[in-house]
N, C-alpha and C. Protein backbone atom coordinates (compact mmCIF):
# COMPACT_ATOMS: atom_id res chain seq x y z
N UNK A 1 92.09 111.87 73.74
CA UNK A 1 93.05 110.78 73.89
C UNK A 1 92.79 109.71 72.82
N UNK A 2 93.84 109.36 72.03
CA UNK A 2 93.67 108.36 70.99
C UNK A 2 93.74 106.95 71.58
N UNK A 3 93.44 105.97 70.73
CA UNK A 3 93.38 104.58 71.20
C UNK A 3 94.73 104.11 71.73
N UNK A 4 95.81 104.47 71.05
CA UNK A 4 97.14 104.03 71.47
C UNK A 4 97.46 104.54 72.88
N UNK A 5 97.18 105.80 73.13
CA UNK A 5 97.45 106.38 74.45
C UNK A 5 96.60 105.70 75.52
N UNK A 6 95.34 105.45 75.17
CA UNK A 6 94.44 104.79 76.14
C UNK A 6 94.95 103.41 76.49
N UNK A 7 95.40 102.65 75.48
CA UNK A 7 95.92 101.30 75.72
C UNK A 7 97.17 101.34 76.58
N UNK A 8 98.04 102.33 76.34
CA UNK A 8 99.26 102.44 77.13
C UNK A 8 98.94 102.77 78.58
N UNK A 9 97.95 103.62 78.79
CA UNK A 9 97.58 104.03 80.15
C UNK A 9 96.82 102.94 80.90
N UNK A 10 96.25 102.01 80.17
CA UNK A 10 95.45 100.96 80.79
C UNK A 10 95.99 99.57 80.44
N UNK A 11 97.29 99.48 80.21
CA UNK A 11 97.89 98.22 79.77
C UNK A 11 97.73 97.11 80.81
N UNK A 12 97.73 97.49 82.09
CA UNK A 12 97.59 96.48 83.14
C UNK A 12 96.22 95.82 83.08
N UNK A 13 95.19 96.62 82.83
CA UNK A 13 93.84 96.07 82.77
C UNK A 13 93.62 95.28 81.48
N UNK A 14 94.27 95.75 80.42
CA UNK A 14 94.21 95.01 79.17
C UNK A 14 94.87 93.64 79.34
N UNK A 15 95.97 93.61 80.10
CA UNK A 15 96.66 92.34 80.36
C UNK A 15 95.74 91.39 81.14
N UNK A 16 94.91 91.94 82.03
CA UNK A 16 93.96 91.10 82.77
C UNK A 16 92.96 90.44 81.83
N UNK A 17 92.41 91.23 80.92
CA UNK A 17 91.44 90.70 79.95
C UNK A 17 92.09 89.65 79.07
N UNK A 18 93.30 89.94 78.61
CA UNK A 18 94.02 88.99 77.76
C UNK A 18 94.37 87.73 78.55
N UNK A 19 94.64 87.91 79.87
CA UNK A 19 94.95 86.76 80.71
C UNK A 19 93.79 85.79 80.78
N UNK A 20 92.58 86.33 80.94
CA UNK A 20 91.39 85.48 80.97
C UNK A 20 91.18 84.84 79.61
N UNK A 21 91.36 85.63 78.55
CA UNK A 21 91.16 85.12 77.19
C UNK A 21 92.14 84.01 76.85
N UNK A 22 93.39 84.17 77.28
CA UNK A 22 94.41 83.16 76.99
C UNK A 22 94.26 81.94 77.89
N UNK A 23 93.86 82.18 79.14
CA UNK A 23 93.75 81.08 80.09
C UNK A 23 92.52 80.23 79.93
N UNK A 24 91.43 80.84 79.43
CA UNK A 24 90.17 80.11 79.33
C UNK A 24 90.26 78.83 78.49
N UNK A 25 90.80 78.87 77.26
CA UNK A 25 90.88 77.61 76.49
C UNK A 25 91.78 76.57 77.14
N UNK A 26 92.82 77.02 77.85
CA UNK A 26 93.71 76.09 78.53
C UNK A 26 92.99 75.37 79.66
N UNK A 27 92.17 76.12 80.40
CA UNK A 27 91.39 75.52 81.48
C UNK A 27 90.26 74.67 80.91
N UNK A 28 89.65 75.15 79.85
CA UNK A 28 88.49 74.47 79.26
C UNK A 28 88.82 73.04 78.84
N UNK A 29 89.95 72.87 78.15
CA UNK A 29 90.29 71.53 77.64
C UNK A 29 90.78 70.61 78.75
N UNK A 30 91.05 71.17 79.94
CA UNK A 30 91.52 70.35 81.06
C UNK A 30 90.51 70.30 82.20
N UNK A 31 89.29 70.74 81.93
CA UNK A 31 88.29 70.84 82.99
C UNK A 31 87.94 69.48 83.58
N UNK A 32 88.08 68.43 82.79
CA UNK A 32 87.72 67.10 83.31
C UNK A 32 88.66 66.67 84.43
N UNK A 33 89.88 67.17 84.43
CA UNK A 33 90.82 66.83 85.51
C UNK A 33 90.33 67.36 86.85
N UNK A 34 89.52 68.42 86.80
CA UNK A 34 89.03 69.04 88.02
C UNK A 34 87.54 68.77 88.24
N UNK A 35 86.95 67.99 87.35
CA UNK A 35 85.53 67.69 87.50
C UNK A 35 84.63 68.85 87.16
N UNK A 36 85.13 69.80 86.37
CA UNK A 36 84.31 70.94 85.93
C UNK A 36 83.49 70.48 84.72
N UNK A 37 82.19 70.65 84.80
CA UNK A 37 81.31 70.02 83.82
C UNK A 37 81.05 70.85 82.57
N UNK A 38 81.21 72.18 82.64
CA UNK A 38 80.85 72.99 81.49
C UNK A 38 81.81 74.16 81.30
N UNK A 39 81.60 74.88 80.18
CA UNK A 39 82.47 76.00 79.83
C UNK A 39 82.33 77.15 80.82
N UNK A 40 81.13 77.31 81.39
CA UNK A 40 80.93 78.38 82.36
C UNK A 40 81.82 78.21 83.58
N UNK A 41 81.93 76.97 84.06
CA UNK A 41 82.80 76.70 85.20
C UNK A 41 84.26 76.96 84.86
N UNK A 42 84.66 76.60 83.63
CA UNK A 42 86.04 76.84 83.20
C UNK A 42 86.33 78.33 83.11
N UNK A 43 85.33 79.11 82.65
CA UNK A 43 85.50 80.56 82.56
C UNK A 43 85.64 81.18 83.95
N UNK A 44 84.83 80.73 84.88
CA UNK A 44 84.93 81.25 86.25
C UNK A 44 86.29 80.94 86.87
N UNK A 45 86.79 79.74 86.60
CA UNK A 45 88.10 79.38 87.13
C UNK A 45 89.20 80.22 86.49
N UNK A 46 89.07 80.52 85.20
CA UNK A 46 90.04 81.37 84.51
C UNK A 46 90.06 82.77 85.12
N UNK A 47 88.87 83.30 85.40
CA UNK A 47 88.78 84.63 86.03
C UNK A 47 89.40 84.58 87.42
N UNK A 48 89.11 83.52 88.18
CA UNK A 48 89.69 83.37 89.52
C UNK A 48 91.21 83.31 89.45
N UNK A 49 91.74 82.50 88.55
CA UNK A 49 93.20 82.38 88.41
C UNK A 49 93.82 83.73 88.03
N UNK A 50 93.13 84.47 87.17
CA UNK A 50 93.66 85.77 86.73
C UNK A 50 93.76 86.74 87.89
N UNK A 51 92.69 86.87 88.66
CA UNK A 51 92.71 87.81 89.78
C UNK A 51 93.57 87.30 90.94
N UNK A 52 93.68 85.99 91.07
CA UNK A 52 94.59 85.43 92.06
C UNK A 52 96.03 85.82 91.74
N UNK A 53 96.40 85.69 90.48
CA UNK A 53 97.76 86.04 90.05
C UNK A 53 98.03 87.52 90.25
N UNK A 54 97.05 88.36 89.90
CA UNK A 54 97.21 89.80 90.08
C UNK A 54 97.35 90.15 91.55
N UNK A 55 96.48 89.59 92.38
CA UNK A 55 96.53 89.87 93.81
C UNK A 55 97.87 89.44 94.41
N UNK A 56 98.39 88.29 93.96
CA UNK A 56 99.67 87.80 94.47
C UNK A 56 100.81 88.74 94.11
N UNK A 57 100.80 89.26 92.89
CA UNK A 57 101.87 90.17 92.47
C UNK A 57 101.78 91.51 93.19
N UNK A 58 100.56 91.97 93.44
CA UNK A 58 100.37 93.24 94.16
C UNK A 58 100.75 93.09 95.62
N UNK A 59 100.44 91.94 96.21
CA UNK A 59 100.78 91.69 97.61
C UNK A 59 102.29 91.72 97.83
N UNK A 60 103.02 91.09 96.94
CA UNK A 60 104.48 91.09 97.08
C UNK A 60 105.04 92.49 96.89
N UNK A 61 104.48 93.26 95.95
CA UNK A 61 104.95 94.63 95.73
C UNK A 61 104.75 95.48 96.97
N UNK A 62 103.61 95.32 97.64
CA UNK A 62 103.35 96.05 98.88
C UNK A 62 104.34 95.62 99.96
N UNK A 63 104.57 94.31 100.07
CA UNK A 63 105.50 93.79 101.06
C UNK A 63 106.91 94.34 100.83
N UNK A 64 107.33 94.37 99.57
CA UNK A 64 108.67 94.89 99.25
C UNK A 64 108.78 96.37 99.60
N UNK A 65 107.72 97.14 99.38
CA UNK A 65 107.74 98.56 99.74
C UNK A 65 107.87 98.73 101.25
N UNK A 66 107.13 97.93 102.00
CA UNK A 66 107.20 98.01 103.45
C UNK A 66 108.58 97.63 103.97
N UNK A 67 109.16 96.57 103.40
CA UNK A 67 110.50 96.13 103.82
C UNK A 67 111.56 97.19 103.51
N UNK A 68 111.31 97.97 102.46
CA UNK A 68 112.26 99.03 102.08
C UNK A 68 112.00 100.32 102.86
N UNK A 69 110.96 100.31 103.70
CA UNK A 69 110.65 101.49 104.49
C UNK A 69 109.92 102.56 103.72
N UNK A 70 109.29 102.19 102.60
CA UNK A 70 108.58 103.14 101.77
C UNK A 70 107.07 102.99 101.94
N UNK A 71 106.33 103.99 101.50
CA UNK A 71 104.88 103.93 101.50
C UNK A 71 104.43 102.94 100.42
N UNK A 72 103.58 101.98 100.76
CA UNK A 72 103.16 100.98 99.77
C UNK A 72 102.51 101.60 98.54
N UNK A 73 102.93 101.13 97.38
CA UNK A 73 102.31 101.54 96.12
C UNK A 73 101.34 100.45 95.71
N UNK A 74 100.07 100.69 96.00
CA UNK A 74 99.05 99.66 95.81
C UNK A 74 98.93 99.23 94.35
N UNK A 75 99.24 100.11 93.41
CA UNK A 75 99.10 99.77 92.00
C UNK A 75 100.28 99.00 91.43
N UNK A 76 101.36 98.88 92.19
CA UNK A 76 102.56 98.20 91.68
C UNK A 76 102.38 96.69 91.73
N UNK A 77 103.17 96.00 90.92
CA UNK A 77 103.14 94.53 90.90
C UNK A 77 104.57 93.99 90.93
N UNK A 78 104.71 92.78 91.43
CA UNK A 78 106.00 92.09 91.44
C UNK A 78 105.74 90.64 91.01
N UNK A 79 106.28 90.27 89.86
CA UNK A 79 105.97 88.98 89.24
C UNK A 79 106.20 87.79 90.17
N UNK A 80 107.21 87.87 91.01
CA UNK A 80 107.53 86.73 91.86
C UNK A 80 106.44 86.42 92.88
N UNK A 81 105.48 87.34 93.04
CA UNK A 81 104.35 87.07 93.92
C UNK A 81 103.53 85.87 93.46
N UNK A 82 103.52 85.62 92.14
CA UNK A 82 102.80 84.45 91.62
C UNK A 82 103.35 83.16 92.21
N UNK A 83 104.66 83.11 92.40
CA UNK A 83 105.32 81.91 92.93
C UNK A 83 105.23 81.83 94.45
N UNK A 84 105.19 83.00 95.10
CA UNK A 84 105.23 83.02 96.55
C UNK A 84 103.85 82.94 97.20
N UNK A 85 102.84 83.57 96.59
CA UNK A 85 101.54 83.67 97.24
C UNK A 85 100.40 82.97 96.51
N UNK A 86 100.46 82.90 95.18
CA UNK A 86 99.37 82.27 94.43
C UNK A 86 99.12 80.81 94.82
N UNK A 87 100.17 80.01 95.15
CA UNK A 87 99.91 78.62 95.55
C UNK A 87 98.91 78.48 96.70
N UNK A 88 98.86 79.45 97.61
CA UNK A 88 97.91 79.38 98.71
C UNK A 88 96.47 79.51 98.19
N UNK A 89 96.29 80.35 97.17
CA UNK A 89 94.97 80.50 96.57
C UNK A 89 94.55 79.27 95.79
N UNK A 90 95.50 78.64 95.12
CA UNK A 90 95.21 77.40 94.39
C UNK A 90 94.85 76.30 95.38
N UNK A 91 95.61 76.22 96.45
CA UNK A 91 95.36 75.21 97.47
C UNK A 91 93.99 75.40 98.11
N UNK A 92 93.63 76.64 98.38
CA UNK A 92 92.33 76.94 98.98
C UNK A 92 91.20 76.53 98.03
N UNK A 93 91.35 76.85 96.75
CA UNK A 93 90.33 76.48 95.76
C UNK A 93 90.19 74.97 95.65
N UNK A 94 91.33 74.27 95.68
CA UNK A 94 91.30 72.81 95.59
C UNK A 94 90.57 72.20 96.79
N UNK A 95 90.79 72.79 97.95
CA UNK A 95 90.14 72.26 99.16
C UNK A 95 88.64 72.51 99.14
N UNK A 96 88.25 73.73 98.77
CA UNK A 96 86.83 74.09 98.74
C UNK A 96 86.07 73.28 97.68
N UNK A 97 86.69 73.15 96.51
CA UNK A 97 86.03 72.46 95.39
C UNK A 97 86.30 70.96 95.37
N UNK A 98 87.10 70.48 96.33
CA UNK A 98 87.42 69.06 96.45
C UNK A 98 88.12 68.50 95.21
N UNK A 99 89.08 69.31 94.68
CA UNK A 99 89.92 68.85 93.58
C UNK A 99 91.15 68.17 94.15
N UNK A 100 91.75 67.30 93.38
CA UNK A 100 93.05 66.76 93.75
C UNK A 100 94.09 67.87 93.60
N UNK A 101 94.91 68.05 94.61
CA UNK A 101 95.85 69.17 94.62
C UNK A 101 96.80 69.12 93.44
N UNK A 102 97.28 67.92 93.10
CA UNK A 102 98.23 67.83 92.00
C UNK A 102 97.61 68.26 90.67
N UNK A 103 96.32 67.95 90.48
CA UNK A 103 95.63 68.36 89.25
C UNK A 103 95.41 69.86 89.23
N UNK A 104 95.03 70.43 90.36
CA UNK A 104 94.80 71.87 90.45
C UNK A 104 96.07 72.65 90.13
N UNK A 105 97.20 72.20 90.66
CA UNK A 105 98.45 72.91 90.42
C UNK A 105 98.97 72.71 89.00
N UNK A 106 98.72 71.54 88.41
CA UNK A 106 99.11 71.34 87.02
C UNK A 106 98.33 72.27 86.10
N UNK A 107 97.02 72.37 86.33
CA UNK A 107 96.19 73.26 85.51
C UNK A 107 96.61 74.71 85.71
N UNK A 108 96.89 75.09 86.96
CA UNK A 108 97.31 76.47 87.23
C UNK A 108 98.65 76.78 86.57
N UNK A 109 99.56 75.82 86.58
CA UNK A 109 100.87 76.04 85.96
C UNK A 109 100.72 76.36 84.48
N UNK A 110 99.87 75.59 83.79
CA UNK A 110 99.67 75.82 82.36
C UNK A 110 98.91 77.12 82.12
N UNK A 111 98.07 77.52 83.06
CA UNK A 111 97.40 78.82 82.95
C UNK A 111 98.38 79.96 83.23
N UNK A 112 99.21 79.79 84.27
CA UNK A 112 100.04 80.88 84.77
C UNK A 112 101.09 81.33 83.77
N UNK A 113 101.66 80.41 83.00
CA UNK A 113 102.76 80.77 82.10
C UNK A 113 102.34 81.82 81.08
N UNK A 114 101.22 81.65 80.34
CA UNK A 114 100.81 82.72 79.43
C UNK A 114 100.53 84.04 80.15
N UNK A 115 99.99 83.97 81.36
CA UNK A 115 99.72 85.19 82.13
C UNK A 115 101.01 85.90 82.51
N UNK A 116 102.01 85.14 82.93
CA UNK A 116 103.31 85.73 83.26
C UNK A 116 103.97 86.32 82.01
N UNK A 117 103.79 85.64 80.89
CA UNK A 117 104.30 86.15 79.61
C UNK A 117 103.65 87.50 79.31
N UNK A 118 102.34 87.60 79.50
CA UNK A 118 101.63 88.85 79.25
C UNK A 118 102.08 89.95 80.21
N UNK A 119 102.41 89.58 81.45
CA UNK A 119 102.91 90.58 82.39
C UNK A 119 104.20 91.20 81.90
N UNK A 120 105.04 90.39 81.29
CA UNK A 120 106.29 90.93 80.76
C UNK A 120 106.06 91.77 79.50
N UNK A 121 105.04 91.43 78.72
CA UNK A 121 104.67 92.29 77.60
C UNK A 121 104.23 93.65 78.14
N UNK A 122 103.48 93.63 79.24
CA UNK A 122 103.08 94.88 79.89
C UNK A 122 104.30 95.68 80.32
N UNK A 123 105.34 94.99 80.78
CA UNK A 123 106.59 95.68 81.15
C UNK A 123 107.22 96.35 79.93
N UNK A 124 107.18 95.67 78.79
CA UNK A 124 107.72 96.25 77.56
C UNK A 124 106.94 97.49 77.16
N UNK A 125 105.63 97.41 77.27
CA UNK A 125 104.77 98.53 76.88
C UNK A 125 104.96 99.72 77.81
N UNK A 126 105.02 99.45 79.12
CA UNK A 126 105.13 100.54 80.10
C UNK A 126 106.55 101.00 80.33
N UNK A 127 107.52 100.24 79.82
CA UNK A 127 108.92 100.65 79.93
C UNK A 127 109.55 100.40 81.29
N UNK A 128 109.02 99.43 82.04
CA UNK A 128 109.58 99.13 83.36
C UNK A 128 110.41 97.85 83.31
N UNK A 129 111.07 97.55 84.43
CA UNK A 129 111.84 96.31 84.59
C UNK A 129 112.93 96.18 83.51
N UNK A 130 113.62 97.27 83.26
CA UNK A 130 114.65 97.29 82.23
C UNK A 130 115.89 96.51 82.64
N UNK A 131 116.62 96.03 81.64
CA UNK A 131 117.93 95.46 81.90
C UNK A 131 118.96 96.57 82.03
N UNK A 132 120.07 96.29 82.66
CA UNK A 132 121.14 97.29 82.79
C UNK A 132 121.73 97.62 81.43
N UNK A 133 122.32 98.80 81.32
CA UNK A 133 123.00 99.17 80.09
C UNK A 133 124.27 98.33 79.93
N UNK A 134 124.57 98.00 78.70
CA UNK A 134 125.75 97.20 78.40
C UNK A 134 126.92 98.14 78.16
N UNK A 135 127.81 98.21 79.13
CA UNK A 135 128.95 99.10 79.01
C UNK A 135 128.53 100.55 78.91
N UNK A 136 129.15 101.29 78.00
CA UNK A 136 128.82 102.70 77.80
C UNK A 136 127.85 102.91 76.65
N UNK A 137 127.37 101.82 76.09
CA UNK A 137 126.43 101.92 74.97
C UNK A 137 125.01 102.18 75.46
N UNK A 138 124.12 102.41 74.53
CA UNK A 138 122.71 102.58 74.87
C UNK A 138 121.95 101.26 74.84
N UNK A 139 122.66 100.19 74.54
CA UNK A 139 122.04 98.87 74.52
C UNK A 139 121.87 98.35 75.95
N UNK A 140 120.85 97.56 76.15
CA UNK A 140 120.57 97.01 77.47
C UNK A 140 120.49 95.48 77.40
N UNK A 141 120.76 94.86 78.54
CA UNK A 141 120.58 93.41 78.62
C UNK A 141 119.08 93.12 78.44
N UNK A 142 118.73 92.21 77.55
CA UNK A 142 117.30 91.94 77.27
C UNK A 142 116.67 91.02 78.31
N UNK A 143 116.65 91.46 79.55
CA UNK A 143 116.16 90.60 80.63
C UNK A 143 114.68 90.27 80.49
N UNK A 144 113.89 91.24 80.07
CA UNK A 144 112.46 90.98 79.91
C UNK A 144 112.22 89.98 78.78
N UNK A 145 112.94 90.18 77.69
CA UNK A 145 112.80 89.28 76.55
C UNK A 145 113.30 87.88 76.87
N UNK A 146 114.35 87.80 77.67
CA UNK A 146 114.87 86.49 78.10
C UNK A 146 113.84 85.77 78.95
N UNK A 147 113.18 86.51 79.82
CA UNK A 147 112.16 85.89 80.67
C UNK A 147 110.98 85.40 79.82
N UNK A 148 110.61 86.18 78.82
CA UNK A 148 109.53 85.76 77.92
C UNK A 148 109.92 84.49 77.17
N UNK A 149 111.18 84.42 76.75
CA UNK A 149 111.66 83.20 76.10
C UNK A 149 111.65 82.01 77.03
N UNK A 150 111.99 82.26 78.29
CA UNK A 150 111.95 81.20 79.31
C UNK A 150 110.54 80.62 79.41
N UNK A 151 109.54 81.49 79.41
CA UNK A 151 108.16 81.03 79.53
C UNK A 151 107.72 80.23 78.31
N UNK A 152 108.16 80.64 77.14
CA UNK A 152 107.81 79.91 75.92
C UNK A 152 108.36 78.49 75.97
N UNK A 153 109.62 78.36 76.36
CA UNK A 153 110.26 77.04 76.45
C UNK A 153 109.55 76.17 77.48
N UNK A 154 109.26 76.74 78.66
CA UNK A 154 108.58 75.97 79.72
C UNK A 154 107.18 75.55 79.29
N UNK A 155 106.48 76.43 78.59
CA UNK A 155 105.12 76.11 78.17
C UNK A 155 105.11 74.93 77.20
N UNK A 156 106.02 74.94 76.25
CA UNK A 156 106.12 73.83 75.29
C UNK A 156 106.49 72.54 76.02
N UNK A 157 107.43 72.63 76.95
CA UNK A 157 107.85 71.46 77.71
C UNK A 157 106.68 70.89 78.52
N UNK A 158 105.90 71.77 79.13
CA UNK A 158 104.77 71.31 79.94
C UNK A 158 103.69 70.66 79.09
N UNK A 159 103.46 71.18 77.91
CA UNK A 159 102.48 70.56 77.01
C UNK A 159 102.91 69.14 76.65
N UNK A 160 104.21 68.93 76.54
CA UNK A 160 104.72 67.60 76.20
C UNK A 160 104.70 66.66 77.39
N UNK A 161 104.83 67.21 78.60
CA UNK A 161 104.97 66.37 79.80
C UNK A 161 103.66 66.11 80.53
N UNK A 162 102.64 66.93 80.30
CA UNK A 162 101.46 66.86 81.16
C UNK A 162 100.70 65.54 81.05
N UNK A 163 100.81 64.84 79.94
CA UNK A 163 100.08 63.58 79.79
C UNK A 163 100.81 62.39 80.39
N UNK A 164 102.06 62.62 80.80
CA UNK A 164 102.83 61.58 81.45
C UNK A 164 102.39 61.46 82.90
N UNK A 165 101.83 60.33 83.27
CA UNK A 165 101.30 60.15 84.62
C UNK A 165 102.39 60.33 85.68
N UNK A 166 103.63 60.01 85.32
CA UNK A 166 104.73 60.17 86.27
C UNK A 166 105.04 61.64 86.57
N UNK A 167 104.57 62.53 85.70
CA UNK A 167 104.81 63.96 85.90
C UNK A 167 103.64 64.66 86.58
N UNK A 168 102.64 63.89 86.95
CA UNK A 168 101.44 64.48 87.54
C UNK A 168 101.77 65.22 88.84
N UNK A 169 101.34 66.45 88.90
CA UNK A 169 101.59 67.26 90.08
C UNK A 169 102.96 67.89 90.16
N UNK A 170 103.77 67.76 89.10
CA UNK A 170 105.14 68.29 89.14
C UNK A 170 105.29 69.60 88.37
N UNK A 171 104.28 70.00 87.60
CA UNK A 171 104.47 71.14 86.69
C UNK A 171 104.73 72.45 87.44
N UNK A 172 103.89 72.78 88.41
CA UNK A 172 104.11 74.04 89.11
C UNK A 172 105.38 74.00 89.97
N UNK A 173 105.65 72.91 90.70
CA UNK A 173 106.93 72.85 91.42
C UNK A 173 108.14 73.00 90.50
N UNK A 174 108.08 72.39 89.31
CA UNK A 174 109.20 72.52 88.36
C UNK A 174 109.31 73.95 87.86
N UNK A 175 108.17 74.61 87.66
CA UNK A 175 108.18 76.02 87.26
C UNK A 175 108.83 76.87 88.34
N UNK A 176 108.49 76.61 89.60
CA UNK A 176 109.10 77.35 90.70
C UNK A 176 110.61 77.13 90.74
N UNK A 177 111.03 75.88 90.64
CA UNK A 177 112.45 75.54 90.72
C UNK A 177 113.24 76.23 89.62
N UNK A 178 112.79 76.08 88.39
CA UNK A 178 113.54 76.63 87.26
C UNK A 178 113.50 78.15 87.23
N UNK A 179 112.35 78.72 87.58
CA UNK A 179 112.27 80.18 87.57
C UNK A 179 113.13 80.78 88.68
N UNK A 180 113.15 80.15 89.84
CA UNK A 180 113.98 80.64 90.92
C UNK A 180 115.45 80.72 90.53
N UNK A 181 115.93 79.66 89.89
CA UNK A 181 117.34 79.64 89.42
C UNK A 181 117.55 80.68 88.34
N UNK A 182 116.64 80.71 87.36
CA UNK A 182 116.73 81.66 86.26
C UNK A 182 116.73 83.10 86.77
N UNK A 183 115.79 83.41 87.65
CA UNK A 183 115.66 84.79 88.14
C UNK A 183 116.86 85.20 88.99
N UNK A 184 117.39 84.25 89.76
CA UNK A 184 118.57 84.56 90.59
C UNK A 184 119.72 85.03 89.70
N UNK A 185 119.88 84.39 88.54
CA UNK A 185 120.98 84.72 87.64
C UNK A 185 120.76 86.06 86.94
N UNK A 186 119.57 86.23 86.33
CA UNK A 186 119.36 87.45 85.55
C UNK A 186 119.16 88.68 86.42
N UNK A 187 118.95 88.48 87.72
CA UNK A 187 118.73 89.62 88.60
C UNK A 187 119.94 90.56 88.60
N UNK A 188 121.13 90.00 88.39
CA UNK A 188 122.33 90.84 88.34
C UNK A 188 122.36 91.74 87.10
N UNK A 189 121.54 91.44 86.12
CA UNK A 189 121.55 92.19 84.87
C UNK A 189 120.35 93.12 84.74
N UNK A 190 119.54 93.19 85.80
CA UNK A 190 118.36 94.06 85.79
C UNK A 190 118.68 95.42 86.40
N UNK A 191 118.09 96.45 85.83
CA UNK A 191 118.28 97.80 86.36
C UNK A 191 117.65 97.91 87.73
N UNK A 192 118.29 98.68 88.61
CA UNK A 192 117.76 98.84 89.95
C UNK A 192 118.14 97.72 90.89
N UNK A 193 119.11 96.89 90.47
CA UNK A 193 119.52 95.77 91.30
C UNK A 193 120.25 96.22 92.56
N UNK A 194 120.78 97.44 92.53
CA UNK A 194 121.46 97.96 93.71
C UNK A 194 122.96 97.71 93.67
N UNK A 195 123.66 98.33 94.62
CA UNK A 195 125.11 98.24 94.63
C UNK A 195 125.61 96.94 95.25
N UNK A 196 124.83 96.33 96.11
CA UNK A 196 125.26 95.11 96.78
C UNK A 196 125.12 93.91 95.84
N UNK A 197 125.99 92.91 95.99
CA UNK A 197 125.94 91.72 95.11
C UNK A 197 124.61 90.98 95.21
N UNK A 198 124.05 90.92 96.42
CA UNK A 198 122.78 90.24 96.63
C UNK A 198 121.77 91.22 97.22
N UNK A 199 120.51 91.08 96.83
CA UNK A 199 119.48 91.96 97.35
C UNK A 199 118.18 91.18 97.51
N UNK A 200 117.09 91.87 97.79
CA UNK A 200 115.84 91.22 98.17
C UNK A 200 115.32 90.26 97.10
N UNK A 201 115.41 90.64 95.83
CA UNK A 201 114.91 89.76 94.77
C UNK A 201 115.71 88.47 94.69
N UNK A 202 116.99 88.53 95.02
CA UNK A 202 117.78 87.30 95.10
C UNK A 202 117.24 86.39 96.21
N UNK A 203 116.86 86.99 97.32
CA UNK A 203 116.30 86.22 98.43
C UNK A 203 115.01 85.52 98.00
N UNK A 204 114.12 86.26 97.34
CA UNK A 204 112.88 85.66 96.85
C UNK A 204 113.19 84.52 95.88
N UNK A 205 114.14 84.74 94.99
CA UNK A 205 114.49 83.73 93.99
C UNK A 205 115.01 82.45 94.65
N UNK A 206 115.85 82.61 95.67
CA UNK A 206 116.37 81.44 96.39
C UNK A 206 115.25 80.70 97.09
N UNK A 207 114.36 81.45 97.74
CA UNK A 207 113.22 80.84 98.44
C UNK A 207 112.33 80.07 97.47
N UNK A 208 112.05 80.67 96.32
CA UNK A 208 111.21 80.02 95.31
C UNK A 208 111.87 78.74 94.81
N UNK A 209 113.18 78.81 94.54
CA UNK A 209 113.90 77.64 94.03
C UNK A 209 113.94 76.51 95.06
N UNK A 210 114.18 76.85 96.32
CA UNK A 210 114.27 75.82 97.37
C UNK A 210 112.92 75.13 97.57
N UNK A 211 111.85 75.93 97.67
CA UNK A 211 110.52 75.35 97.83
C UNK A 211 110.16 74.51 96.61
N UNK A 212 110.47 75.04 95.43
CA UNK A 212 110.18 74.30 94.20
C UNK A 212 110.93 72.98 94.13
N UNK A 213 112.20 72.99 94.53
CA UNK A 213 113.00 71.77 94.50
C UNK A 213 112.45 70.72 95.48
N UNK A 214 112.15 71.16 96.71
CA UNK A 214 111.63 70.23 97.72
C UNK A 214 110.29 69.65 97.27
N UNK A 215 109.45 70.50 96.74
CA UNK A 215 108.13 70.09 96.28
C UNK A 215 108.23 69.13 95.10
N UNK A 216 109.10 69.48 94.15
CA UNK A 216 109.27 68.66 92.95
C UNK A 216 109.81 67.27 93.28
N UNK A 217 110.83 67.20 94.12
CA UNK A 217 111.40 65.90 94.48
C UNK A 217 110.40 65.06 95.28
N UNK A 218 109.58 65.71 96.09
CA UNK A 218 108.56 64.98 96.85
C UNK A 218 107.53 64.37 95.90
N UNK A 219 107.12 65.14 94.89
CA UNK A 219 106.15 64.62 93.92
C UNK A 219 106.74 63.49 93.09
N UNK A 220 108.01 63.60 92.74
CA UNK A 220 108.68 62.56 91.94
C UNK A 220 108.80 61.26 92.74
N UNK A 221 109.08 61.37 94.04
CA UNK A 221 109.17 60.18 94.89
C UNK A 221 107.82 59.49 94.97
N UNK A 222 106.75 60.26 95.11
CA UNK A 222 105.41 59.67 95.16
C UNK A 222 105.05 58.99 93.85
N UNK A 223 105.47 59.60 92.75
CA UNK A 223 105.17 59.01 91.44
C UNK A 223 105.86 57.67 91.26
N UNK A 224 107.08 57.53 91.79
CA UNK A 224 107.81 56.28 91.65
C UNK A 224 107.22 55.16 92.51
N UNK A 225 106.49 55.55 93.55
CA UNK A 225 105.89 54.56 94.43
C UNK A 225 104.62 53.94 93.86
N UNK A 226 104.08 54.58 92.80
CA UNK A 226 102.84 54.06 92.22
C UNK A 226 103.12 53.32 90.91
């Protein structure tokens, strides 16, 4: 087996390593927000965030299989799990380590975007999560590429907004809100969407958007009071 074949067969694990590598410098430069004193602590948090994100995506994939009446595919992942389940892991870490919740979620938001971007690169490599064919042509809607572009725009926006004290604690809620709306729309252009106008992924997208909106507006109200 050559290197290319090995990488294709192990792209998910490679994405994990790259997730830690990409997330570590982002956590490292923001460690003071969480009271992390050294690079070792930042590395441990990066590893935790990486496996938290993976576990969240796998959990949702298992749940979706069960809801569809199928045998759970333990190796499958569903990106929306990061929005639905990872916040509980961030909240638990903040409580155990006595971090301010708004700081923990801001740091996780900036970590999560590159990881989600890498997950979509993994989709490109493995050939999954395709867009529907456009008419009778062999061209497809570039849903994966659109989602990657969405993450690039959000990441740049967050880098510009994170130092604004009024935006403290709003990054992850804003990510949830915007992704929920974005995903609800592009879901109609993804392969495997089904014959019905609305399906399970639309439900997840609506739930993510509603929670994100409520959370974001609550944080904005608190910011205005200070």
